[in-house]
PDB file of N, CA and C in Angstrom:
ATOM      1  N   MET A   1      75.434  -3.024-116.039  1.00  0.00           N
ATOM      2  CA  MET A   1      75.669  -2.563-114.695  1.00  0.00           C
ATOM      3  C   MET A   1      76.701  -1.440-114.737  1.00  0.00           C
ATOM      4  N   GLU A   2      76.401  -0.350-114.085  1.00  0.00           N
ATOM      5  CA  GLU A   2      77.279   0.804-114.076  1.00  0.00           C
ATOM      6  C   GLU A   2      78.376   0.630-113.029  1.00  0.00           C
ATOM      7  N   ALA A   3      79.607   0.892-113.404  1.00  0.00           N
ATOM      8  CA  ALA A   3      80.726   0.787-112.471  1.00  0.00           C
ATOM      9  C   ALA A   3      80.886   2.113-111.731  1.00  0.00           C
ATOM     10  N   PHE A   4      81.278   2.025-110.489  1.00  0.00           N
ATOM     11  CA  PHE A   4      81.497   3.214-109.682  1.00  0.00           C
ATOM     12  C   PHE A   4      82.962   3.304-109.324  1.00  0.00           C
ATOM     13  N   PHE A   5      83.466   4.523-109.244  1.00  0.00           N
ATOM     14  CA  PHE A   5      84.832   4.760-108.850  1.00  0.00           C
ATOM     15  C   PHE A   5      84.785   5.498-107.528  1.00  0.00           C
ATOM     16  N   HIS A   6      85.227   4.836-106.470  1.00  0.00           N
ATOM     17  CA  HIS A   6      85.233   5.457-105.149  1.00  0.00           C
ATOM     18  C   HIS A   6      86.623   5.969-104.831  1.00  0.00           C
ATOM     19  N   ARG A   7      86.672   7.040-104.101  1.00  0.00           N
ATOM     20  CA  ARG A   7      87.927   7.662-103.701  1.00  0.00           C
ATOM     21  C   ARG A   7      88.279   7.258-102.264  1.00  0.00           C
ATOM     22  N   PHE A   8      89.561   7.453-101.928  1.00  0.00           N
ATOM     23  CA  PHE A   8      89.988   7.203-100.547  1.00  0.00           C
ATOM     24  C   PHE A   8      89.120   7.989 -99.568  1.00  0.00           C
ATOM     25  N   THR A   9      88.790   9.219 -99.918  1.00  0.00           N
ATOM     26  CA  THR A   9      88.001  10.036 -98.993  1.00  0.00           C
ATOM     27  C   THR A   9      86.666   9.359 -98.667  1.00  0.00           C
ATOM     28  N   GLU A  10      86.045   8.778 -99.658  1.00  0.00           N
ATOM     29  CA  GLU A  10      84.768   8.093 -99.437  1.00  0.00           C
ATOM     30  C   GLU A  10      84.941   6.838 -98.592  1.00  0.00           C
ATOM     31  N   LEU A  11      86.008   6.088 -98.848  1.00  0.00           N
ATOM     32  CA  LEU A  11      86.266   4.884 -98.055  1.00  0.00           C
ATOM     33  C   LEU A  11      86.539   5.255 -96.604  1.00  0.00           C
ATOM     34  N   PHE A  12      87.344   6.289 -96.389  1.00  0.00           N
ATOM     35  CA  PHE A  12      87.634   6.720 -95.033  1.00  0.00           C
ATOM     36  C   PHE A  12      86.366   7.188 -94.338  1.00  0.00           C
ATOM     37  N   ASP A  13      85.474   7.870 -95.059  1.00  0.00           N
ATOM     38  CA  ASP A  13      84.170   8.245 -94.490  1.00  0.00           C
ATOM     39  C   ASP A  13      83.395   7.001 -94.066  1.00  0.00           C
ATOM     40  N   GLN A  14      83.366   5.977 -94.917  1.00  0.00           N
ATOM     41  CA  GLN A  14      82.655   4.739 -94.599  1.00  0.00           C
ATOM     42  C   GLN A  14      83.234   4.067 -93.359  1.00  0.00           C
ATOM     43  N   LEU A  15      84.554   4.197 -93.182  1.00  0.00           N
ATOM     44  CA  LEU A  15      85.230   3.580 -92.036  1.00  0.00           C
ATOM     45  C   LEU A  15      85.163   4.453 -90.782  1.00  0.00           C
ATOM     46  N   GLY A  16      84.572   5.637 -90.910  1.00  0.00           N
ATOM     47  CA  GLY A  16      84.443   6.527 -89.770  1.00  0.00           C
ATOM     48  C   GLY A  16      85.752   7.212 -89.390  1.00  0.00           C
ATOM     49  N   LEU A  17      86.626   7.384 -90.381  1.00  0.00           N
ATOM     50  CA  LEU A  17      87.925   8.010 -90.156  1.00  0.00           C
ATOM     51  C   LEU A  17      87.946   9.399 -90.794  1.00  0.00           C
ATOM     52  N   PRO A  18      88.811  10.282 -90.275  1.00  0.00           N
ATOM     53  CA  PRO A  18      88.952  11.589 -90.928  1.00  0.00           C
ATOM     54  C   PRO A  18      89.344  11.387 -92.387  1.00  0.00           C
ATOM     55  N   SER A  19      88.714  12.144 -93.277  1.00  0.00           N
ATOM     56  CA  SER A  19      88.875  11.865 -94.703  1.00  0.00           C
ATOM     57  C   SER A  19      89.483  13.010 -95.504  1.00  0.00           C
ATOM     58  N   ASP A  20      90.027  13.997 -94.821  1.00  0.00           N
ATOM     59  CA  ASP A  20      90.707  15.051 -95.564  1.00  0.00           C
ATOM     60  C   ASP A  20      92.075  14.529 -96.010  1.00  0.00           C
ATOM     61  N   PRO A  21      92.643  15.092 -97.049  1.00  0.00           N
ATOM     62  CA  PRO A  21      93.915  14.580 -97.584  1.00  0.00           C
ATOM     63  C   PRO A  21      95.041  14.504 -96.545  1.00  0.00           C
ATOM     64  N   PHE A  22      95.154  15.498 -95.668  1.00  0.00           N
ATOM     65  CA  PHE A  22      96.196  15.485 -94.645  1.00  0.00           C
ATOM     66  C   PHE A  22      96.015  14.284 -93.712  1.00  0.00           C
ATOM     67  N   SER A  23      94.786  14.030 -93.272  1.00  0.00           N
ATOM     68  CA  SER A  23      94.505  12.910 -92.362  1.00  0.00           C
ATOM     69  C   SER A  23      94.745  11.562 -93.029  1.00  0.00           C
ATOM     70  N   ILE A  24      94.398  11.453 -94.296  1.00  0.00           N
ATOM     71  CA  ILE A  24      94.635  10.200 -95.022  1.00  0.00           C
ATOM     72  C   ILE A  24      96.132   9.945 -95.133  1.00  0.00           C
ATOM     73  N   ALA A  25      96.891  10.978 -95.488  1.00  0.00           N
ATOM     74  CA  ALA A  25      98.346  10.832 -95.586  1.00  0.00           C
ATOM     75  C   ALA A  25      98.945  10.445 -94.239  1.00  0.00           C
ATOM     76  N   ALA A  26      98.452  11.043 -93.163  1.00  0.00           N
ATOM     77  CA  ALA A  26      98.943  10.717 -91.822  1.00  0.00           C
ATOM     78  C   ALA A  26      98.607   9.272 -91.467  1.00  0.00           C
ATOM     79  N   PHE A  27      97.416   8.815 -91.804  1.00  0.00           N
ATOM     80  CA  PHE A  27      97.021   7.434 -91.542  1.00  0.00           C
ATOM     81  C   PHE A  27      97.959   6.466 -92.260  1.00  0.00           C
ATOM     82  N   LEU A  28      98.226   6.730 -93.524  1.00  0.00           N
ATOM     83  CA  LEU A  28      99.104   5.857 -94.304  1.00  0.00           C
ATOM     84  C   LEU A  28     100.509   5.821 -93.703  1.00  0.00           C
ATOM     85  N   ARG A  29     101.002   6.979 -93.270  1.00  0.00           N
ATOM     86  CA  ARG A  29     102.329   7.038 -92.645  1.00  0.00           C
ATOM     87  C   ARG A  29     102.362   6.298 -91.318  1.00  0.00           C
ATOM     88  N   GLU A  30     101.343   6.513 -90.488  1.00  0.00           N
ATOM     89  CA  GLU A  30     101.319   5.957 -89.141  1.00  0.00           C
ATOM     90  C   GLU A  30     101.027   4.458 -89.125  1.00  0.00           C
ATOM     91  N   GLN A  31     100.211   3.972 -90.043  1.00  0.00           N
ATOM     92  CA  GLN A  31      99.798   2.573 -90.013  1.00  0.00           C
ATOM     93  C   GLN A  31     100.640   1.684 -90.927  1.00  0.00           C
ATOM     94  N   GLY A  32     101.335   2.264 -91.856  1.00  0.00           N
ATOM     95  CA  GLY A  32     102.152   1.466 -92.766  1.00  0.00           C
ATOM     96  C   GLY A  32     103.550   1.291 -92.215  1.00  0.00           C
ATOM     97  N   PRO A  33     104.348   0.464 -92.779  1.00  0.00           N
ATOM     98  CA  PRO A  33     103.948  -0.452 -93.852  1.00  0.00           C
ATOM     99  C   PRO A  33     103.293  -1.720 -93.301  1.00  0.00           C
ATOM    100  N   LEU A  34     102.356  -2.204 -94.029  1.00  0.00           N
ATOM    101  CA  LEU A  34     101.668  -3.451 -93.715  1.00  0.00           C
ATOM    102  C   LEU A  34     102.472  -4.591 -94.320  1.00  0.00           C
ATOM    103  N   ALA A  35     102.642  -5.659 -93.580  1.00  0.00           N
ATOM    104  CA  ALA A  35     103.424  -6.811 -94.062  1.00  0.00           C
ATOM    105  C   ALA A  35     102.850  -7.313 -95.392  1.00  0.00           C
ATOM    106  N   PRO A  36     103.712  -7.716 -96.306  1.00  0.00           N
ATOM    107  CA  PRO A  36     103.252  -8.158 -97.630  1.00  0.00           C
ATOM    108  C   PRO A  36     102.239  -9.295 -97.597  1.00  0.00           C
ATOM    109  N   ASP A  37     102.325 -10.171 -96.604  1.00  0.00           N
ATOM    110  CA  ASP A  37     101.416 -11.317 -96.552  1.00  0.00           C
ATOM    111  C   ASP A  37     100.200 -11.085 -95.653  1.00  0.00           C
ATOM    112  N   ALA A  38     100.089  -9.893 -95.068  1.00  0.00           N
ATOM    113  CA  ALA A  38      98.958  -9.592 -94.169  1.00  0.00           C
ATOM    114  C   ALA A  38      97.725  -9.210 -94.979  1.00  0.00           C
ATOM    115  N   LYS A  39      96.580  -9.664 -94.521  1.00  0.00           N
ATOM    116  CA  LYS A  39      95.321  -9.254 -95.141  1.00  0.00           C
ATOM    117  C   LYS A  39      94.938  -7.902 -94.559  1.00  0.00           C
ATOM    118  N   LEU A  40      94.554  -6.989 -95.415  1.00  0.00           N
ATOM    119  CA  LEU A  40      94.208  -5.639 -94.973  1.00  0.00           C
ATOM    120  C   LEU A  40      93.153  -5.670 -93.876  1.00  0.00           C
ATOM    121  N   GLU A  41      92.113  -6.466 -94.081  1.00  0.00           N
ATOM    122  CA  GLU A  41      90.996  -6.489 -93.123  1.00  0.00           C
ATOM    123  C   GLU A  41      91.378  -7.097 -91.781  1.00  0.00           C
ATOM    124  N   GLU A  42      92.541  -7.727 -91.688  1.00  0.00           N
ATOM    125  CA  GLU A  42      93.006  -8.311 -90.428  1.00  0.00           C
ATOM    126  C   GLU A  42      94.079  -7.471 -89.748  1.00  0.00           C
ATOM    127  N   ALA A  43      94.368  -6.304 -90.295  1.00  0.00           N
ATOM    128  CA  ALA A  43      95.383  -5.436 -89.704  1.00  0.00           C
ATOM    129  C   ALA A  43      94.954  -5.029 -88.289  1.00  0.00           C
ATOM    130  N   PRO A  44      95.906  -4.923 -87.372  1.00  0.00           N
ATOM    131  CA  PRO A  44      95.571  -4.668 -85.966  1.00  0.00           C
ATOM    132  C   PRO A  44      95.033  -3.271 -85.673  1.00  0.00           C
ATOM    133  N   PHE A  45      95.148  -2.342 -86.597  1.00  0.00           N
ATOM    134  CA  PHE A  45      94.720  -0.975 -86.316  1.00  0.00           C
ATOM    135  C   PHE A  45      93.235  -0.732 -86.560  1.00  0.00           C
ATOM    136  N   TRP A  46      92.521  -1.696 -87.143  1.00  0.00           N
ATOM    137  CA  TRP A  46      91.080  -1.540 -87.363  1.00  0.00           C
ATOM    138  C   TRP A  46      90.305  -1.873 -86.109  1.00  0.00           C
ATOM    139  N   THR A  47      89.175  -1.218 -85.921  1.00  0.00           N
ATOM    140  CA  THR A  47      88.232  -1.655 -84.894  1.00  0.00           C
ATOM    141  C   THR A  47      87.524  -2.890 -85.450  1.00  0.00           C
ATOM    142  N   ALA A  48      86.825  -3.587 -84.600  1.00  0.00           N
ATOM    143  CA  ALA A  48      86.090  -4.774 -85.053  1.00  0.00           C
ATOM    144  C   ALA A  48      85.082  -4.408 -86.140  1.00  0.00           C
ATOM    145  N   SER A  49      84.392  -3.293 -85.987  1.00  0.00           N
ATOM    146  CA  SER A  49      83.383  -2.909 -86.986  1.00  0.00           C
ATOM    147  C   SER A  49      84.028  -2.473 -88.301  1.00  0.00           C
ATOM    148  N   GLN A  50      85.174  -1.805 -88.245  1.00  0.00           N
ATOM    149  CA  GLN A  50      85.870  -1.434 -89.477  1.00  0.00           C
ATOM    150  C   GLN A  50      86.354  -2.675 -90.223  1.00  0.00           C
ATOM    151  N   ALA A  51      86.925  -3.624 -89.497  1.00  0.00           N
ATOM    152  CA  ALA A  51      87.403  -4.862 -90.113  1.00  0.00           C
ATOM    153  C   ALA A  51      86.240  -5.628 -90.741  1.00  0.00           C
ATOM    154  N   GLU A  52      85.118  -5.671 -90.056  1.00  0.00           N
ATOM    155  CA  GLU A  52      83.947  -6.375 -90.587  1.00  0.00           C
ATOM    156  C   GLU A  52      83.425  -5.684 -91.848  1.00  0.00           C
ATOM    157  N   LEU A  53      83.397  -4.371 -91.847  1.00  0.00           N
ATOM    158  CA  LEU A  53      82.961  -3.640 -93.038  1.00  0.00           C
ATOM    159  C   LEU A  53      83.862  -3.967 -94.221  1.00  0.00           C
ATOM    160  N   LEU A  54      85.174  -3.951 -94.010  1.00  0.00           N
ATOM    161  CA  LEU A  54      86.102  -4.280 -95.091  1.00  0.00           C
ATOM    162  C   LEU A  54      85.880  -5.706 -95.589  1.00  0.00           C
ATOM    163  N   ARG A  55      85.705  -6.653 -94.669  1.00  0.00           N
ATOM    164  CA  ARG A  55      85.451  -8.052 -95.064  1.00  0.00           C
ATOM    165  C   ARG A  55      84.176  -8.158 -95.894  1.00  0.00           C
ATOM    166  N   GLN A  56      83.151  -7.492 -95.436  1.00  0.00           N
ATOM    167  CA  GLN A  56      81.857  -7.544 -96.121  1.00  0.00           C
ATOM    168  C   GLN A  56      81.952  -6.959 -97.530  1.00  0.00           C
ATOM    169  N   LEU A  57      82.575  -5.809 -97.642  1.00  0.00           N
ATOM    170  CA  LEU A  57      82.698  -5.173 -98.955  1.00  0.00           C
ATOM    171  C   LEU A  57      83.528  -6.018 -99.909  1.00  0.00           C
ATOM    172  N   LEU A  58      84.592  -6.627 -99.410  1.00  0.00           N
ATOM    173  CA  LEU A  58      85.417  -7.491-100.258  1.00  0.00           C
ATOM    174  C   LEU A  58      84.684  -8.781-100.624  1.00  0.00           C
ATOM    175  N   ALA A  59      83.978  -9.374 -99.672  1.00  0.00           N
ATOM    176  CA  ALA A  59      83.254 -10.626 -99.918  1.00  0.00           C
ATOM    177  C   ALA A  59      82.123 -10.423-100.930  1.00  0.00           C
ATOM    178  N   ASP A  60      81.503  -9.264-100.868  1.00  0.00           N
ATOM    179  CA  ASP A  60      80.410  -8.959-101.789  1.00  0.00           C
ATOM    180  C   ASP A  60      80.919  -8.533-103.158  1.00  0.00           C
ATOM    181  N   ASP A  61      82.263  -8.433-103.292  1.00  0.00           N
ATOM    182  CA  ASP A  61      82.875  -7.912-104.509  1.00  0.00           C
ATOM    183  C   ASP A  61      82.202  -6.603-104.888  1.00  0.00           C
ATOM    184  N   ALA A  62      82.004  -5.800-103.884  1.00  0.00           N
ATOM    185  CA  ALA A  62      81.302  -4.534-104.041  1.00  0.00           C
ATOM    186  C   ALA A  62      82.104  -3.543-104.871  1.00  0.00           C
ATOM    187  N   ASP A  63      81.442  -2.462-105.237  1.00  0.00           N
ATOM    188  CA  ASP A  63      82.102  -1.386-105.957  1.00  0.00           C
ATOM    189  C   ASP A  63      83.305  -0.860-105.175  1.00  0.00           C
ATOM    190  N   TRP A  64      83.320  -1.128-103.895  1.00  0.00           N
ATOM    191  CA  TRP A  64      84.380  -0.641-103.022  1.00  0.00           C
ATOM    192  C   TRP A  64      85.659  -1.468-103.131  1.00  0.00           C
ATOM    193  N   ALA A  65      85.613  -2.647-103.714  1.00  0.00           N
ATOM    194  CA  ALA A  65      86.779  -3.543-103.730  1.00  0.00           C
ATOM    195  C   ALA A  65      88.007  -2.875-104.349  1.00  0.00           C
ATOM    196  N   GLU A  66      87.828  -2.109-105.410  1.00  0.00           N
ATOM    197  CA  GLU A  66      88.972  -1.476-106.069  1.00  0.00           C
ATOM    198  C   GLU A  66      89.667  -0.476-105.152  1.00  0.00           C
ATOM    199  N   VAL A  67      88.903   0.361-104.482  1.00  0.00           N
ATOM    200  CA  VAL A  67      89.522   1.356-103.597  1.00  0.00           C
ATOM    201  C   VAL A  67      90.118   0.682-102.356  1.00  0.00           C
ATOM    202  N   ILE A  68      89.531  -0.414-101.909  1.00  0.00           N
ATOM    203  CA  ILE A  68      90.107  -1.171-100.790  1.00  0.00           C
ATOM    204  C   ILE A  68      91.444  -1.773-101.217  1.00  0.00           C
ATOM    205  N   ASP A  69      91.505  -2.284-102.427  1.00  0.00           N
ATOM    206  CA  ASP A  69      92.778  -2.812-102.942  1.00  0.00           C
ATOM    207  C   ASP A  69      93.827  -1.711-103.047  1.00  0.00           C
ATOM    208  N   ARG A  70      93.423  -0.528-103.473  1.00  0.00           N
ATOM    209  CA  ARG A  70      94.365   0.595-103.562  1.00  0.00           C
ATOM    210  C   ARG A  70      94.854   1.013-102.184  1.00  0.00           C
ATOM    211  N   LEU A  71      93.969   0.973-101.184  1.00  0.00           N
ATOM    212  CA  LEU A  71      94.378   1.272 -99.813  1.00  0.00           C
ATOM    213  C   LEU A  71      95.381   0.233 -99.329  1.00  0.00           C
ATOM    214  N   SER A  72      95.107  -1.024 -99.617  1.00  0.00           N
ATOM    215  CA  SER A  72      96.022  -2.095 -99.234  1.00  0.00           C
ATOM    216  C   SER A  72      97.404  -1.864 -99.842  1.00  0.00           C
ATOM    217  N   LEU A  73      97.462  -1.524-101.100  1.00  0.00           N
ATOM    218  CA  LEU A  73      98.736  -1.241-101.767  1.00  0.00           C
ATOM    219  C   LEU A  73      99.437  -0.038-101.165  1.00  0.00           C
ATOM    220  N   ALA A  74      98.669   1.010-100.895  1.00  0.00           N
ATOM    221  CA  ALA A  74      99.261   2.231-100.331  1.00  0.00           C
ATOM    222  C   ALA A  74      99.871   1.975 -98.959  1.00  0.00           C
ATOM    223  N   LEU A  75      99.269   1.073 -98.192  1.00  0.00           N
ATOM    224  CA  LEU A  75      99.795   0.760 -96.861  1.00  0.00           C
ATOM    225  C   LEU A  75     101.015  -0.135 -96.919  1.00  0.00           C
ATOM    226  N   ARG A  76     101.310  -0.702 -98.060  1.00  0.00           N
ATOM    227  CA  ARG A  76     102.474  -1.584 -98.211  1.00  0.00           C
ATOM    228  C   ARG A  76     103.668  -0.860 -98.823  1.00  0.00           C
ATOM    229  N   GLU A  77     103.485   0.353 -99.299  1.00  0.00           N
ATOM    230  CA  GLU A  77     104.577   1.102 -99.948  1.00  0.00           C
ATOM    231  C   GLU A  77     105.497   1.724 -98.930  1.00  0.00           C
TER     232      GLU A  77
END
């Protein structure tokens, strides 16, 4: 099975968010820091459909799980 490496830009596209580097940096600044014990997919800034997409991708252990984990870490820094 071939592994895929997804970028933040691709994840933000999937979530329907602006995906240029400036917008991603602004999102991280505006939405962080996320509490250490909070689940990313339960954060209050997601729409219901965005939260469901994140849950689905994580539950499926999809190729997206790594970039979702990196987003979670970036929001906690």
